[in-house]
Amino acid sequence: MDFLCCPSCKVPLSYEGETDREEIRRGALRCRKCLLDYPVENSIPRFIEPAHLQGVNRSLSRAYDRVSLLYDSVLTRAYLRRRFWPSSGEEAARKEVVAQLEIGPGSRVLETGVGTGDNVAYLRQIAGVELFGVDISIGMLKQCAGRLNKHKPGIELFLANAEELPFRDESFDAVFHVGGINFFTDKRKAMAEMVRVAKAGTKIVIACETEKAIQVNRHAIGIAFGKDLMTKMLDFSRSDVLNSVPKDVNAVVFDEIWEGNGYLLTFRKPGSNNAGQETALITAPHC
């Protein structure tokens, strides 16, 4: 509760409901200013109604809910593991991104678009790290909770829009995203929110598919998400991503990874940790 806020007006929330060893289990988080209640079910606060999402976000939420039960067992195996990840494999590819995070024991880490929690295993190896995950699909979050609770990873999950995060300013030591931001309704706002909730000097890390990966895997995308959503995904352009980077950040780096199937975008929130550092944009040549 010490860092949660209303995603709309950003004021602190109160809670009325059931707790278990200080964990919020069931009840409602309430905004006294907006007069809104955000329900908590099975320890997952719900800060959005999927039907109220705008643009592509609404279609993505429904699509991921629809495929969530088969996402790990079928879609990931058929699409990512066979045709997306580089020859070094999925584990090496995920570690390549996670290694960019500047975290240590006791760090508070936020992943937007956490999905079923594929990156959690590579983060919980750090002693004392506090993990938080946001997604717009309740189906994916349920799969994440069921999959990870077996290992008691200590991750807190939230049904929320990355473009309106329910966290107070400067709450996290690290903020990152892997996969999906290409297709957000408002990428610029999502990145601005990542910066807002990060502490001063924090390095923000984003990784996603390139045009190459989307084109090569268009068949699998069409089966999983439908023709209309696939068409929108095929409109992706890296220039849209680069133009969405907040203007007031430092040390912007854009590079291709995963044998050209993905890109890595990093930038740093201004602050005392990097005072005087100039902004620089570095891009790799197209493959």
Protein backbone atom coordinates (compact mmCIF):
# COMPACT_ATOMS: atom_id res chain seq x y z
CA MET A 1 0.00 0.00 0.00
CA ASP A 2 2.91 2.37 0.57
CA PHE A 3 3.50 2.87 -3.17
CA LEU A 4 0.10 2.16 -4.77
CA CYS A 5 -1.97 5.01 -6.18
CA CYS A 6 -5.02 5.59 -8.32
CA PRO A 7 -3.97 5.04 -11.96
CA SER A 8 -6.15 7.97 -13.02
CA CYS A 9 -5.47 10.79 -10.54
CA LYS A 10 -2.34 9.32 -8.82
CA VAL A 11 -3.54 9.92 -5.24
CA PRO A 12 -2.93 7.26 -2.54
CA LEU A 13 -5.48 4.47 -2.08
CA SER A 14 -7.16 3.02 0.98
CA TYR A 15 -8.02 -0.67 1.40
CA GLU A 16 -10.98 -2.45 2.89
CA GLY A 17 -11.04 -6.21 2.82
CA GLU A 18 -9.34 -9.46 3.73
CA THR A 19 -5.61 -9.79 4.38
CA ASP A 20 -3.34 -12.74 5.12
CA ARG A 21 -0.01 -11.98 6.83
CA GLU A 22 -0.18 -8.41 5.49
CA GLU A 23 -0.94 -9.66 1.95
CA ILE A 24 -4.03 -8.15 0.33
CA ARG A 25 -6.28 -11.08 -0.53
CA ARG A 26 -9.80 -9.92 -1.31
CA GLY A 27 -11.67 -6.63 -1.03
CA ALA A 28 -11.32 -3.23 -2.70
CA LEU A 29 -8.79 -0.46 -3.11
CA ARG A 30 -10.53 2.91 -2.98
CA CYS A 31 -9.72 6.31 -4.41
CA ARG A 32 -11.29 9.06 -2.29
CA LYS A 33 -10.75 11.65 -5.04
CA CYS A 34 -12.15 9.79 -8.06
CA LEU A 35 -14.65 7.87 -5.89
CA LEU A 36 -13.62 4.67 -7.66
CA ASP A 37 -13.23 1.18 -6.20
CA TYR A 38 -10.67 -1.23 -7.61
CA PRO A 39 -11.53 -4.82 -6.64
CA VAL A 40 -8.96 -7.30 -5.34
CA GLU A 41 -9.60 -10.94 -6.22
CA ASN A 42 -7.27 -13.81 -5.35
CA SER A 43 -4.56 -11.31 -4.34
CA ILE A 44 -4.64 -9.54 -7.74
CA PRO A 45 -5.79 -5.89 -7.67
CA ARG A 46 -7.81 -5.07 -10.79
CA PHE A 47 -7.17 -1.52 -11.94
CA ILE A 48 -8.85 -1.86 -15.33
CA GLU A 49 -12.03 -3.16 -16.88
CA PRO A 50 -10.88 -4.81 -20.14
CA ALA A 51 -14.05 -3.61 -21.90
CA HIS A 52 -13.00 -0.01 -21.17
CA LEU A 53 -9.58 -0.32 -22.80
CA GLN A 54 -9.00 1.74 -25.92
CA GLY A 55 -7.60 0.91 -29.35
CA VAL A 56 -5.38 -2.13 -29.85
CA ASN A 57 -5.13 -2.66 -26.08
CA ARG A 58 -8.72 -3.91 -25.97
CA SER A 59 -8.08 -6.44 -28.75
CA LEU A 60 -4.82 -7.56 -27.14
CA SER A 61 -6.46 -8.07 -23.75
CA ARG A 62 -9.18 -10.26 -25.24
CA ALA A 63 -6.75 -12.19 -27.41
CA TYR A 64 -4.39 -12.97 -24.54
CA ASP A 65 -7.30 -13.99 -22.31
CA ARG A 66 -8.41 -16.36 -25.06
CA VAL A 67 -5.00 -18.03 -25.54
CA SER A 68 -3.81 -17.86 -21.92
CA LEU A 69 -4.57 -21.50 -21.07
CA LEU A 70 -2.50 -22.71 -24.04
CA TYR A 71 0.06 -19.93 -24.16
CA ASP A 72 2.93 -21.75 -22.45
CA SER A 73 2.18 -25.29 -23.62
CA VAL A 74 1.29 -24.60 -27.26
CA LEU A 75 1.89 -21.04 -28.51
CA THR A 76 5.25 -20.46 -26.84
CA ARG A 77 6.53 -23.87 -27.86
CA ALA A 78 5.37 -23.59 -31.48
CA TYR A 79 6.20 -19.93 -32.07
CA LEU A 80 8.92 -18.63 -29.77
CA ARG A 81 11.02 -21.70 -29.10
CA ARG A 82 11.13 -22.93 -32.69
CA ARG A 83 11.13 -19.81 -34.84
CA PHE A 84 11.80 -16.75 -32.72
CA TRP A 85 14.64 -17.18 -30.28
CA PRO A 86 18.21 -17.21 -31.64
CA SER A 87 20.27 -20.36 -31.94
CA SER A 88 21.62 -19.78 -28.43
CA GLY A 89 18.14 -20.55 -27.07
CA GLU A 90 15.42 -18.91 -25.00
CA GLU A 91 17.30 -18.89 -21.71
CA ALA A 92 20.29 -17.07 -23.15
CA ALA A 93 17.99 -14.61 -24.95
CA ARG A 94 16.08 -13.69 -21.79
CA LYS A 95 19.27 -13.43 -19.74
CA GLU A 96 20.65 -11.04 -22.34
CA VAL A 97 17.82 -8.63 -21.54
CA VAL A 98 17.65 -9.15 -17.77
CA ALA A 99 21.42 -8.62 -17.53
CA GLN A 100 20.82 -5.01 -18.60
CA LEU A 101 18.97 -4.28 -15.35
CA GLU A 102 20.95 -2.56 -12.62
CA ILE A 103 19.64 -4.47 -9.61
CA GLY A 104 20.91 -6.08 -6.47
CA PRO A 105 19.69 -7.47 -3.14
CA GLY A 106 16.65 -5.56 -1.94
CA SER A 107 15.89 -3.95 -5.32
CA ARG A 108 12.24 -3.34 -6.18
CA VAL A 109 11.69 -4.41 -9.82
CA LEU A 110 8.66 -3.81 -12.06
CA GLU A 111 7.94 -5.71 -15.27
CA THR A 112 5.19 -4.31 -17.49
CA GLY A 113 3.56 -6.96 -19.66
CA VAL A 114 4.62 -9.73 -17.27
CA GLY A 115 2.46 -12.32 -19.04
CA THR A 116 2.87 -15.81 -17.58
CA GLY A 117 6.08 -14.84 -15.77
CA ASP A 118 8.77 -16.22 -18.08
CA ASN A 119 11.38 -13.71 -16.86
CA VAL A 120 10.79 -14.20 -13.15
CA ALA A 121 13.09 -17.22 -12.89
CA TYR A 122 16.05 -15.10 -13.97
CA LEU A 123 15.28 -12.39 -11.42
CA ARG A 124 14.48 -14.36 -8.30
CA GLN A 125 18.04 -15.69 -8.26
CA ILE A 126 19.01 -12.34 -6.74
CA ALA A 127 18.59 -12.50 -2.97
CA GLY A 128 15.96 -10.21 -1.52
CA VAL A 129 14.76 -8.74 -4.82
CA GLU A 130 11.12 -7.59 -4.74
CA LEU A 131 9.23 -8.40 -7.94
CA PHE A 132 6.09 -6.73 -9.31
CA GLY A 133 4.28 -7.52 -12.54
CA VAL A 134 1.60 -5.71 -14.55
CA ASP A 135 -0.49 -7.04 -17.43
CA ILE A 136 -3.76 -6.16 -19.22
CA SER A 137 -4.85 -9.80 -19.42
CA ILE A 138 -6.35 -11.40 -16.31
CA GLY A 139 -6.04 -14.78 -18.03
CA MET A 140 -2.27 -14.39 -18.35
CA LEU A 141 -1.96 -13.17 -14.77
CA LYS A 142 -3.88 -16.20 -13.48
CA GLN A 143 -1.54 -18.48 -15.37
CA CYS A 144 1.42 -16.58 -13.96
CA ALA A 145 0.13 -16.87 -10.39
CA GLY A 146 -0.63 -20.57 -10.74
CA ARG A 147 2.71 -21.33 -12.35
CA LEU A 148 4.93 -19.32 -10.02
CA ASN A 149 3.26 -19.84 -6.66
CA LYS A 150 4.58 -23.39 -6.70
CA HIS A 151 8.02 -21.87 -6.25
CA LYS A 152 6.93 -19.06 -3.88
CA PRO A 153 8.75 -16.37 -5.87
CA GLY A 154 7.31 -13.43 -3.95
CA ILE A 155 5.96 -11.58 -7.00
CA GLU A 156 3.00 -9.19 -6.70
CA LEU A 157 0.67 -9.11 -9.72
CA PHE A 158 -1.64 -6.33 -10.93
CA LEU A 159 -4.25 -6.17 -13.68
CA ALA A 160 -3.42 -2.73 -15.02
CA ASN A 161 -2.68 -0.77 -18.16
CA ALA A 162 1.01 0.03 -18.66
CA GLU A 163 -0.11 3.42 -19.97
CA GLU A 164 -1.69 4.24 -16.57
CA LEU A 165 0.36 2.52 -13.90
CA PRO A 166 -1.11 2.32 -10.37
CA PHE A 167 2.16 3.23 -8.64
CA ARG A 168 3.47 6.43 -7.10
CA ASP A 169 6.35 8.39 -8.59
CA GLU A 170 9.86 6.94 -8.12
CA SER A 171 8.75 3.63 -6.60
CA PHE A 172 11.09 1.20 -8.40
CA ASP A 173 14.81 0.55 -8.68
CA ALA A 174 14.37 -1.12 -12.09
CA VAL A 175 11.60 -1.08 -14.71
CA PHE A 176 11.57 -3.27 -17.82
CA HIS A 177 9.41 -4.78 -20.55
CA VAL A 178 9.90 -7.81 -22.81
CA GLY A 179 7.54 -8.33 -25.75
CA GLY A 180 4.31 -6.55 -26.67
CA ILE A 181 5.04 -2.83 -26.45
CA ASN A 182 5.15 -2.63 -30.26
CA PHE A 183 1.38 -2.97 -30.29
CA PHE A 184 0.35 -0.79 -27.35
CA THR A 185 -2.29 1.82 -28.11
CA ASP A 186 -0.02 4.59 -26.78
CA LYS A 187 3.63 3.54 -26.64
CA ARG A 188 4.75 7.07 -25.79
CA LYS A 189 2.53 7.19 -22.70
CA ALA A 190 3.62 3.70 -21.62
CA MET A 191 7.30 4.69 -21.75
CA ALA A 192 6.57 7.93 -19.92
CA GLU A 193 4.87 5.93 -17.17
CA MET A 194 7.87 3.61 -16.89
CA VAL A 195 10.03 6.69 -16.35
CA ARG A 196 7.61 8.23 -13.86
CA VAL A 197 7.54 5.21 -11.53
CA ALA A 198 11.31 4.63 -11.72
CA LYS A 199 13.65 6.22 -9.20
CA ALA A 200 15.99 9.00 -10.32
CA GLY A 201 18.93 7.66 -12.34
CA THR A 202 17.22 4.33 -13.13
CA LYS A 203 17.97 2.51 -16.37
CA ILE A 204 14.80 1.52 -18.26
CA VAL A 205 15.05 -1.65 -20.38
CA ILE A 206 12.69 -2.59 -23.24
CA ALA A 207 12.96 -5.55 -25.62
CA CYS A 208 10.53 -6.60 -28.33
CA GLU A 209 10.20 -8.12 -31.80
CA THR A 210 11.62 -6.52 -34.94
CA GLU A 211 9.81 -6.34 -38.29
CA LYS A 212 11.74 -9.46 -39.32
CA ALA A 213 10.32 -11.60 -36.53
CA ILE A 214 6.76 -10.38 -37.05
CA GLN A 215 6.84 -11.10 -40.79
CA VAL A 216 8.45 -14.53 -40.41
CA ASN A 217 5.92 -15.60 -37.77
CA ARG A 218 2.81 -14.02 -39.27
CA HIS A 219 1.12 -17.43 -39.64
CA ALA A 220 1.45 -18.30 -35.96
CA ILE A 221 0.38 -14.77 -34.98
CA GLY A 222 -2.71 -15.05 -37.17
CA ILE A 223 -3.73 -18.36 -35.61
CA ALA A 224 -3.24 -17.08 -32.07
CA PHE A 225 -4.62 -13.56 -32.36
CA GLY A 226 -6.85 -13.51 -35.45
CA LYS A 227 -6.54 -11.84 -38.85
CA ASP A 228 -7.58 -8.32 -37.81
CA LEU A 229 -5.11 -8.09 -34.93
CA MET A 230 -2.38 -9.70 -37.02
CA THR A 231 -2.88 -7.00 -39.67
CA LYS A 232 -2.36 -4.31 -37.04
CA MET A 233 0.76 -6.06 -35.77
CA LEU A 234 2.21 -6.20 -39.28
CA ASP A 235 1.99 -2.40 -39.43
CA PHE A 236 4.72 -2.15 -36.79
CA SER A 237 7.60 0.21 -37.53
CA ARG A 238 10.71 0.71 -35.39
CA SER A 239 10.44 4.43 -36.08
CA ASP A 240 7.21 4.46 -34.05
CA VAL A 241 9.09 2.98 -31.10
CA LEU A 242 11.99 5.43 -31.35
CA ASN A 243 9.63 8.39 -31.69
CA SER A 244 7.87 7.25 -28.50
CA VAL A 245 10.97 7.57 -26.30
CA PRO A 246 10.46 10.43 -23.80
CA LYS A 247 12.42 13.55 -24.73
CA ASP A 248 13.76 14.18 -21.25
CA VAL A 249 15.64 10.90 -20.76
CA ASN A 250 19.38 10.27 -21.07
CA ALA A 251 21.67 7.69 -22.70
CA VAL A 252 19.20 6.33 -25.27
CA VAL A 253 20.51 3.17 -26.97
CA PHE A 254 18.68 1.12 -29.62
CA ASP A 255 20.22 -2.08 -30.98
CA GLU A 256 19.17 -5.33 -32.60
CA ILE A 257 19.45 -8.58 -30.62
CA TRP A 258 18.41 -12.22 -30.98
CA GLU A 259 19.95 -12.56 -34.47
CA GLY A 260 17.80 -9.72 -35.76
CA ASN A 261 14.54 -11.08 -34.35
CA GLY A 262 14.43 -8.53 -31.55
CA TYR A 263 15.58 -5.10 -30.49
CA LEU A 264 16.88 -3.76 -27.20
CA LEU A 265 16.00 -0.21 -26.22
CA THR A 266 17.47 1.32 -23.07
CA PHE A 267 17.46 4.81 -21.60
CA ARG A 268 18.04 6.40 -18.23
CA LYS A 269 15.83 8.59 -16.08
CA PRO A 270 17.60 11.85 -15.22
CA GLY A 271 18.84 12.14 -11.67
CA SER A 272 21.82 12.45 -9.39
CA ASN A 273 23.21 9.09 -10.47
CA ASN A 274 23.90 10.35 -13.98
CA ALA A 275 24.15 14.11 -13.61
CA GLY A 276 25.63 15.79 -16.66
CA GLN A 277 25.26 12.71 -18.86
CA GLU A 278 24.33 13.68 -22.41
CA THR A 279 21.61 11.94 -24.42
CA ALA A 280 22.93 9.78 -27.26
CA LEU A 281 21.01 7.59 -29.68
CA ILE A 282 22.91 4.58 -31.02
CA THR A 283 21.26 2.29 -33.58
CA ALA A 284 22.52 -0.83 -35.23
CA PRO A 285 22.28 -1.25 -39.02
CA HIS A 286 19.32 -3.24 -40.33
CA CYS A 287 19.98 -6.93 -40.87
